[in-house]
C-alpha cells in the first residue's frame, strides 16, 4: 500500500543537542591554578596588590660644580732689626715678671708650710683666716692666723695686739710686739679648745697690756 508518513516525535521528547560552548571543558593553565591557590594562602590585601615596577634610574647631572677658590696667601710682614729687638726685649721682660711672680708664690707657700709643722697640720683651715669676736668689756677683737691681732672699740680705736710670733705648746699661739702700753708692748696669747665651730669665745686681760683669748677650733680635737 501507500507509504506511511514518518511519525513525529513530540517536541518535549526531542533530544537537545548540547552547544559547543557548554560541552567543551575550559582549558585552565598551570599558572592560573597556582594563582588561585596563592589567593587562598595569602591575605586578601597581599593577593590583590600588584608589584610596583622599579623606578627608572635618574639621569646623571650635567651641572658642573663651581670651581673652588684658593685662599690667597697672607702677606708676610717683615720686621726691621729694631722692631725685632724690641719684640724680643718685651717678651723677655714678660717672662722675667712671670718667673719673679712664681718665685714669690713659692716663697709664700713655703712660709705657710713652715707655720704648720706636722703635728699642727690639723690647724690648716685657719690659714689666712681672720676671726672676729663679740664685744668683751666694750671691746671687740680680731685674730688673723697667722699674721696679726687687733683690738677695736673704746677710746683708742684700733689697737695692735701684736704680730704672729709662733706656737707655744701644742695648742697655743703667741702674738707679740703690739702697740706700746707705757713701757711695754701689748701681746696676745691664744688658747685653742676642741669644738666643731671655729670662733672666739672669750678674751680677757690677766695682766697689764697682756691679753688672752680662748678660741674654739676643730684642729684642737
C-alpha atoms as a PDB file:
ATOM      1  CA  UNK A   1       0.000   0.000   0.000  1.00  0.00           C
ATOM      2  CA  UNK A   2       0.895   3.562   0.252  1.00  0.00           C
ATOM      3  CA  UNK A   3       3.921   4.539   2.409  1.00  0.00           C
ATOM      4  CA  UNK A   4       3.083   5.910   5.807  1.00  0.00           C
ATOM      5  CA  UNK A   5       4.383   9.340   6.712  1.00  0.00           C
ATOM      6  CA  UNK A   6       7.162   9.410   9.332  1.00  0.00           C
ATOM      7  CA  UNK A   7       5.950   9.518  12.871  1.00  0.00           C
ATOM      8  CA  UNK A   8       6.518  12.848  14.516  1.00  0.00           C
ATOM      9  CA  UNK A   9       8.191  12.916  17.866  1.00  0.00           C
ATOM     10  CA  UNK A  10       6.788  15.417  20.332  1.00  0.00           C
ATOM     11  CA  UNK A  11       8.890  18.452  20.969  1.00  0.00           C
ATOM     12  CA  UNK A  12       9.217  17.575  24.639  1.00  0.00           C
ATOM     13  CA  UNK A  13      10.891  14.268  23.719  1.00  0.00           C
ATOM     14  CA  UNK A  14      13.296  15.636  21.077  1.00  0.00           C
ATOM     15  CA  UNK A  15      16.875  15.458  22.335  1.00  0.00           C
ATOM     16  CA  UNK A  16      18.518  18.816  22.597  1.00  0.00           C
ATOM     17  CA  UNK A  17      21.989  18.945  21.227  1.00  0.00           C
ATOM     18  CA  UNK A  18      24.449  20.432  23.640  1.00  0.00           C
ATOM     19  CA  UNK A  19      26.053  23.617  22.475  1.00  0.00           C
ATOM     20  CA  UNK A  20      29.714  23.598  21.735  1.00  0.00           C
ATOM     21  CA  UNK A  21      30.321  26.192  24.490  1.00  0.00           C
ATOM     22  CA  UNK A  22      28.695  24.095  27.193  1.00  0.00           C
ATOM     23  CA  UNK A  23      30.023  20.727  26.075  1.00  0.00           C
ATOM     24  CA  UNK A  24      33.646  21.906  25.800  1.00  0.00           C
ATOM     25  CA  UNK A  25      35.555  21.936  29.086  1.00  0.00           C
ATOM     26  CA  UNK A  26      37.566  25.113  29.635  1.00  0.00           C
ATOM     27  CA  UNK A  27      41.316  24.738  29.475  1.00  0.00           C
ATOM     28  CA  UNK A  28      42.953  26.093  32.654  1.00  0.00           C
ATOM     29  CA  UNK A  29      46.703  26.865  32.624  1.00  0.00           C
ATOM     30  CA  UNK A  30      49.016  25.814  35.401  1.00  0.00           C
ATOM     31  CA  UNK A  31      49.765  29.495  36.172  1.00  0.00           C
ATOM     32  CA  UNK A  32      46.052  30.218  36.747  1.00  0.00           C
ATOM     33  CA  UNK A  33      45.809  27.253  39.059  1.00  0.00           C
ATOM     34  CA  UNK A  34      48.835  28.458  41.013  1.00  0.00           C
ATOM     35  CA  UNK A  35      47.386  31.959  41.287  1.00  0.00           C
ATOM     36  CA  UNK A  36      44.060  30.583  42.573  1.00  0.00           C
ATOM     37  CA  UNK A  37      45.898  28.639  45.236  1.00  0.00           C
ATOM     38  CA  UNK A  38      48.031  31.646  46.230  1.00  0.00           C
ATOM     39  CA  UNK A  39      44.928  33.738  46.884  1.00  0.00           C
ATOM     40  CA  UNK A  40      43.829  31.199  49.467  1.00  0.00           C
ATOM     41  CA  UNK A  41      47.214  31.230  51.208  1.00  0.00           C
ATOM     42  CA  UNK A  42      47.952  34.987  51.181  1.00  0.00           C
ATOM     43  CA  UNK A  43      45.901  37.736  52.873  1.00  0.00           C
ATOM     44  CA  UNK A  44      43.461  39.464  50.594  1.00  0.00           C
ATOM     45  CA  UNK A  45      45.410  42.716  50.511  1.00  0.00           C
ATOM     46  CA  UNK A  46      48.656  40.974  49.568  1.00  0.00           C
ATOM     47  CA  UNK A  47      46.972  38.780  46.981  1.00  0.00           C
ATOM     48  CA  UNK A  48      45.446  41.763  45.232  1.00  0.00           C
ATOM     49  CA  UNK A  49      48.498  44.010  45.482  1.00  0.00           C
ATOM     50  CA  UNK A  50      50.476  44.071  42.295  1.00  0.00           C
ATOM     51  CA  UNK A  51      54.249  44.506  42.472  1.00  0.00           C
ATOM     52  CA  UNK A  52      55.379  48.020  41.741  1.00  0.00           C
ATOM     53  CA  UNK A  53      57.663  48.370  38.783  1.00  0.00           C
ATOM     54  CA  UNK A  54      61.175  49.569  39.651  1.00  0.00           C
ATOM     55  CA  UNK A  55      61.702  53.291  39.240  1.00  0.00           C
ATOM     56  CA  UNK A  56      63.941  54.191  36.344  1.00  0.00           C
ATOM     57  CA  UNK A  57      67.418  55.444  37.289  1.00  0.00           C
ATOM     58  CA  UNK A  58      67.786  59.206  37.389  1.00  0.00           C
ATOM     59  CA  UNK A  59      69.836  60.620  34.570  1.00  0.00           C
ATOM     60  CA  UNK A  60      73.307  61.843  35.523  1.00  0.00           C
ATOM     61  CA  UNK A  61      73.534  65.522  36.386  1.00  0.00           C
ATOM     62  CA  UNK A  62      75.006  67.657  33.683  1.00  0.00           C
ATOM     63  CA  UNK A  63      75.657  70.626  36.008  1.00  0.00           C
ATOM     64  CA  UNK A  64      79.284  71.264  36.761  1.00  0.00           C
ATOM     65  CA  UNK A  65      80.381  72.013  40.330  1.00  0.00           C
ATOM     66  CA  UNK A  66      81.618  75.569  40.766  1.00  0.00           C
ATOM     67  CA  UNK A  67      85.386  75.744  40.928  1.00  0.00           C
ATOM     68  CA  UNK A  68      86.808  76.179  44.438  1.00  0.00           C
ATOM     69  CA  UNK A  69      88.623  79.386  45.045  1.00  0.00           C
ATOM     70  CA  UNK A  70      92.068  79.019  46.501  1.00  0.00           C
ATOM     71  CA  UNK A  71      92.782  81.030  49.630  1.00  0.00           C
ATOM     72  CA  UNK A  72      95.055  83.883  48.898  1.00  0.00           C
ATOM     73  CA  UNK A  73      98.308  83.692  50.880  1.00  0.00           C
ATOM     74  CA  UNK A  74      98.653  86.105  53.777  1.00  0.00           C
ATOM     75  CA  UNK A  75     101.314  88.703  53.280  1.00  0.00           C
ATOM     76  CA  UNK A  76     104.406  88.170  55.402  1.00  0.00           C
ATOM     77  CA  UNK A  77     105.269  91.200  57.471  1.00  0.00           C
ATOM     78  CA  UNK A  78     108.975  91.620  57.737  1.00  0.00           C
ATOM     79  CA  UNK A  79     110.179  93.341  60.890  1.00  0.00           C
ATOM     80  CA  UNK A  80     113.137  95.602  60.924  1.00  0.00           C
ATOM     81  CA  UNK A  81     116.081  94.820  63.177  1.00  0.00           C
ATOM     82  CA  UNK A  82     114.958  97.487  65.659  1.00  0.00           C
ATOM     83  CA  UNK A  83     111.380  96.149  65.775  1.00  0.00           C
ATOM     84  CA  UNK A  84     112.585  92.579  66.199  1.00  0.00           C
ATOM     85  CA  UNK A  85     114.903  93.572  69.026  1.00  0.00           C
ATOM     86  CA  UNK A  86     112.097  95.478  70.776  1.00  0.00           C
ATOM     87  CA  UNK A  87     109.757  92.463  70.481  1.00  0.00           C
ATOM     88  CA  UNK A  88     112.384  90.151  71.950  1.00  0.00           C
ATOM     89  CA  UNK A  89     113.026  92.544  74.847  1.00  0.00           C
ATOM     90  CA  UNK A  90     109.300  92.796  75.608  1.00  0.00           C
ATOM     91  CA  UNK A  91     108.963  89.014  75.573  1.00  0.00           C
ATOM     92  CA  UNK A  92     111.964  88.620  77.835  1.00  0.00           C
ATOM     93  CA  UNK A  93     110.595  91.207  80.271  1.00  0.00           C
ATOM     94  CA  UNK A  94     107.244  89.394  80.438  1.00  0.00           C
ATOM     95  CA  UNK A  95     108.950  86.080  81.115  1.00  0.00           C
ATOM     96  CA  UNK A  96     111.071  87.615  83.870  1.00  0.00           C
ATOM     97  CA  UNK A  97     107.964  89.074  85.536  1.00  0.00           C
ATOM     98  CA  UNK A  98     106.195  85.711  85.435  1.00  0.00           C
ATOM     99  CA  UNK A  99     109.271  83.986  86.863  1.00  0.00           C
ATOM    100  CA  UNK A 100     109.507  86.561  89.650  1.00  0.00           C
ATOM    101  CA  UNK A 101     105.831  86.139  90.483  1.00  0.00           C
ATOM    102  CA  UNK A 102     106.188  82.350  90.561  1.00  0.00           C
ATOM    103  CA  UNK A 103     109.187  82.562  92.883  1.00  0.00           C
ATOM    104  CA  UNK A 104     107.278  84.888  95.215  1.00  0.00           C
ATOM    105  CA  UNK A 105     104.327  82.484  95.291  1.00  0.00           C
ATOM    106  CA  UNK A 106     106.641  79.558  96.054  1.00  0.00           C
ATOM    107  CA  UNK A 107     108.271  81.505  98.886  1.00  0.00           C
ATOM    108  CA  UNK A 108     104.836  82.376 100.276  1.00  0.00           C
ATOM    109  CA  UNK A 109     103.734  78.736 100.242  1.00  0.00           C
ATOM    110  CA  UNK A 110     106.976  77.605 101.842  1.00  0.00           C
ATOM    111  CA  UNK A 111     106.474  80.187 104.580  1.00  0.00           C
ATOM    112  CA  UNK A 112     102.957  78.924 105.251  1.00  0.00           C
ATOM    113  CA  UNK A 113     104.170  75.345 105.388  1.00  0.00           C
ATOM    114  CA  UNK A 114     106.770  76.390 107.947  1.00  0.00           C
ATOM    115  CA  UNK A 115     103.977  77.784 110.141  1.00  0.00           C
ATOM    116  CA  UNK A 116     102.349  74.373 110.366  1.00  0.00           C
ATOM    117  CA  UNK A 117     104.699  71.569 111.379  1.00  0.00           C
ATOM    118  CA  UNK A 118     103.487  68.004 111.041  1.00  0.00           C
ATOM    119  CA  UNK A 119     101.897  67.946 114.497  1.00  0.00           C
ATOM    120  CA  UNK A 120      99.961  71.192 113.753  1.00  0.00           C
ATOM    121  CA  UNK A 121      98.637  70.313 110.295  1.00  0.00           C
ATOM    122  CA  UNK A 122      95.112  69.991 111.735  1.00  0.00           C
ATOM    123  CA  UNK A 123      95.057  73.788 112.098  1.00  0.00           C
ATOM    124  CA  UNK A 124      95.498  74.349 108.351  1.00  0.00           C
ATOM    125  CA  UNK A 125      91.861  75.593 107.950  1.00  0.00           C
ATOM    126  CA  UNK A 126      92.899  78.657 109.990  1.00  0.00           C
ATOM    127  CA  UNK A 127      95.485  79.662 107.393  1.00  0.00           C
ATOM    128  CA  UNK A 128      94.781  83.206 106.085  1.00  0.00           C
ATOM    129  CA  UNK A 129      91.572  83.324 108.137  1.00  0.00           C
ATOM    130  CA  UNK A 130      90.501  86.160 110.423  1.00  0.00           C
ATOM    131  CA  UNK A 131      88.142  85.638 113.353  1.00  0.00           C
ATOM    132  CA  UNK A 132      86.002  88.493 114.674  1.00  0.00           C
ATOM    133  CA  UNK A 133      84.768  88.341 118.258  1.00  0.00           C
ATOM    134  CA  UNK A 134      81.717  89.667 120.003  1.00  0.00           C
ATOM    135  CA  UNK A 135      82.092  92.554 122.422  1.00  0.00           C
ATOM    136  CA  UNK A 136      84.016  91.782 125.605  1.00  0.00           C
ATOM    137  CA  UNK A 137      84.091  94.596 128.185  1.00  0.00           C
ATOM    138  CA  UNK A 138      83.307  97.136 125.483  1.00  0.00           C
ATOM    139  CA  UNK A 139      85.992  95.907 123.052  1.00  0.00           C
ATOM    140  CA  UNK A 140      85.990  93.649 120.012  1.00  0.00           C
ATOM    141  CA  UNK A 141      88.909  91.535 118.883  1.00  0.00           C
ATOM    142  CA  UNK A 142      90.208  90.381 115.513  1.00  0.00           C
ATOM    143  CA  UNK A 143      92.677  87.500 115.206  1.00  0.00           C
ATOM    144  CA  UNK A 144      94.166  86.755 111.780  1.00  0.00           C
ATOM    145  CA  UNK A 145      96.057  83.474 111.602  1.00  0.00           C
ATOM    146  CA  UNK A 146      98.980  83.502 111.219  1.00  0.00           C
ATOM    147  CA  UNK A 147      99.553  87.238 110.855  1.00  0.00           C
ATOM    148  CA  UNK A 148      98.324  89.704 113.495  1.00  0.00           C
ATOM    149  CA  UNK A 149      95.753  90.534 116.170  1.00  0.00           C
ATOM    150  CA  UNK A 150      93.873  93.765 116.946  1.00  0.00           C
ATOM    151  CA  UNK A 151      91.531  95.302 119.488  1.00  0.00           C
ATOM    152  CA  UNK A 152      88.838  97.792 118.468  1.00  0.00           C
ATOM    153  CA  UNK A 153      86.416  99.990 120.339  1.00  0.00           C
ATOM    154  CA  UNK A 154      86.962 102.142 123.356  1.00  0.00           C
ATOM    155  CA  UNK A 155      88.721 105.496 123.283  1.00  0.00           C
ATOM    156  CA  UNK A 156      91.870 104.374 121.435  1.00  0.00           C
ATOM    157  CA  UNK A 157      90.195 102.934 118.337  1.00  0.00           C
ATOM    158  CA  UNK A 158      92.030 100.145 116.525  1.00  0.00           C
ATOM    159  CA  UNK A 159      94.914  98.909 118.662  1.00  0.00           C
ATOM    160  CA  UNK A 160      97.523  96.325 117.611  1.00  0.00           C
ATOM    161  CA  UNK A 161      97.911  93.395 119.973  1.00  0.00           C
ATOM    162  CA  UNK A 162     100.967  92.090 118.173  1.00  0.00           C
ATOM    163  CA  UNK A 163     102.218  90.205 115.155  1.00  0.00           C
ATOM    164  CA  UNK A 164     102.466  86.445 114.768  1.00  0.00           C
ATOM    165  CA  UNK A 165     105.266  85.127 116.961  1.00  0.00           C
ATOM    166  CA  UNK A 166     104.842  81.367 116.843  1.00  0.00           C
ATOM    167  CA  UNK A 167     103.474  78.320 118.583  1.00  0.00           C
ATOM    168  CA  UNK A 168     103.645  77.989 122.333  1.00  0.00           C
ATOM    169  CA  UNK A 169     102.991  74.408 123.282  1.00  0.00           C
ATOM    170  CA  UNK A 170     100.653  72.069 121.467  1.00  0.00           C
ATOM    171  CA  UNK A 171      97.509  74.238 121.428  1.00  0.00           C
ATOM    172  CA  UNK A 172      98.660  77.807 121.968  1.00  0.00           C
ATOM    173  CA  UNK A 173      99.917  80.590 119.683  1.00  0.00           C
ATOM    174  CA  UNK A 174     101.549  83.885 120.563  1.00  0.00           C
ATOM    175  CA  UNK A 175     101.288  87.408 119.095  1.00  0.00           C
ATOM    176  CA  UNK A 176     103.923  89.936 120.234  1.00  0.00           C
ATOM    177  CA  UNK A 177     105.098  93.496 119.587  1.00  0.00           C
ATOM    178  CA  UNK A 178     101.751  95.281 119.702  1.00  0.00           C
ATOM    179  CA  UNK A 179     101.096  98.941 120.411  1.00  0.00           C
ATOM    180  CA  UNK A 180     103.098 100.348 123.276  1.00  0.00           C
ATOM    181  CA  UNK A 181     101.368 100.416 126.616  1.00  0.00           C
ATOM    182  CA  UNK A 182     103.634 102.572 128.800  1.00  0.00           C
ATOM    183  CA  UNK A 183     106.985 100.837 128.913  1.00  0.00           C
ATOM    184  CA  UNK A 184     105.720  97.524 127.489  1.00  0.00           C
ATOM    185  CA  UNK A 185     104.170  96.411 124.229  1.00  0.00           C
ATOM    186  CA  UNK A 186     100.872  94.630 124.035  1.00  0.00           C
ATOM    187  CA  UNK A 187     100.770  90.887 123.354  1.00  0.00           C
ATOM    188  CA  UNK A 188      98.117  88.207 122.960  1.00  0.00           C
ATOM    189  CA  UNK A 189      98.135  84.528 123.868  1.00  0.00           C
ATOM    190  CA  UNK A 190      95.553  82.344 122.076  1.00  0.00           C
ATOM    191  CA  UNK A 191      94.486  79.081 123.678  1.00  0.00           C
ATOM    192  CA  UNK A 192      92.669  76.570 121.431  1.00  0.00           C
ATOM    193  CA  UNK A 193      89.854  74.365 122.692  1.00  0.00           C
ATOM    194  CA  UNK A 194      88.278  71.443 120.864  1.00  0.00           C
ATOM    195  CA  UNK A 195      84.929  72.279 119.209  1.00  0.00           C
ATOM    196  CA  UNK A 196      83.198  71.822 115.865  1.00  0.00           C
ATOM    197  CA  UNK A 197      82.669  75.552 115.245  1.00  0.00           C
ATOM    198  CA  UNK A 198      85.641  77.903 114.924  1.00  0.00           C
ATOM    199  CA  UNK A 199      85.128  81.145 116.867  1.00  0.00           C
ATOM    200  CA  UNK A 200      86.462  83.405 119.617  1.00  0.00           C
ATOM    201  CA  UNK A 201      84.554  82.590 122.785  1.00  0.00           C
ATOM    202  CA  UNK A 202      86.421  84.655 125.407  1.00  0.00           C
ATOM    203  CA  UNK A 203      89.016  87.453 125.708  1.00  0.00           C
ATOM    204  CA  UNK A 204      90.350  88.893 128.939  1.00  0.00           C
ATOM    205  CA  UNK A 205      93.355  90.810 130.279  1.00  0.00           C
ATOM    206  CA  UNK A 206      95.126  88.846 133.023  1.00  0.00           C
ATOM    207  CA  UNK A 207      97.973  91.371 133.282  1.00  0.00           C
ATOM    208  CA  UNK A 208      98.881  94.903 132.267  1.00  0.00           C
ATOM    209  CA  UNK A 209      98.584  95.050 128.438  1.00  0.00           C
ATOM    210  CA  UNK A 210      98.716  91.230 128.301  1.00  0.00           C
ATOM    211  CA  UNK A 211      95.689  89.584 126.695  1.00  0.00           C
ATOM    212  CA  UNK A 212      94.440  86.008 126.471  1.00  0.00           C
ATOM    213  CA  UNK A 213      91.804  84.615 124.092  1.00  0.00           C
ATOM    214  CA  UNK A 214      90.056  81.286 124.082  1.00  0.00           C
ATOM    215  CA  UNK A 215      89.318  80.065 120.535  1.00  0.00           C
ATOM    216  CA  UNK A 216      87.256  77.023 119.630  1.00  0.00           C
ATOM    217  CA  UNK A 217      88.619  75.075 116.639  1.00  0.00           C
ATOM    218  CA  UNK A 218      88.253  71.542 115.234  1.00  0.00           C
ATOM    219  CA  UNK A 219      92.034  71.375 114.847  1.00  0.00           C
ATOM    220  CA  UNK A 220      92.365  71.194 118.627  1.00  0.00           C
ATOM    221  CA  UNK A 221      90.345  67.968 118.809  1.00  0.00           C
END
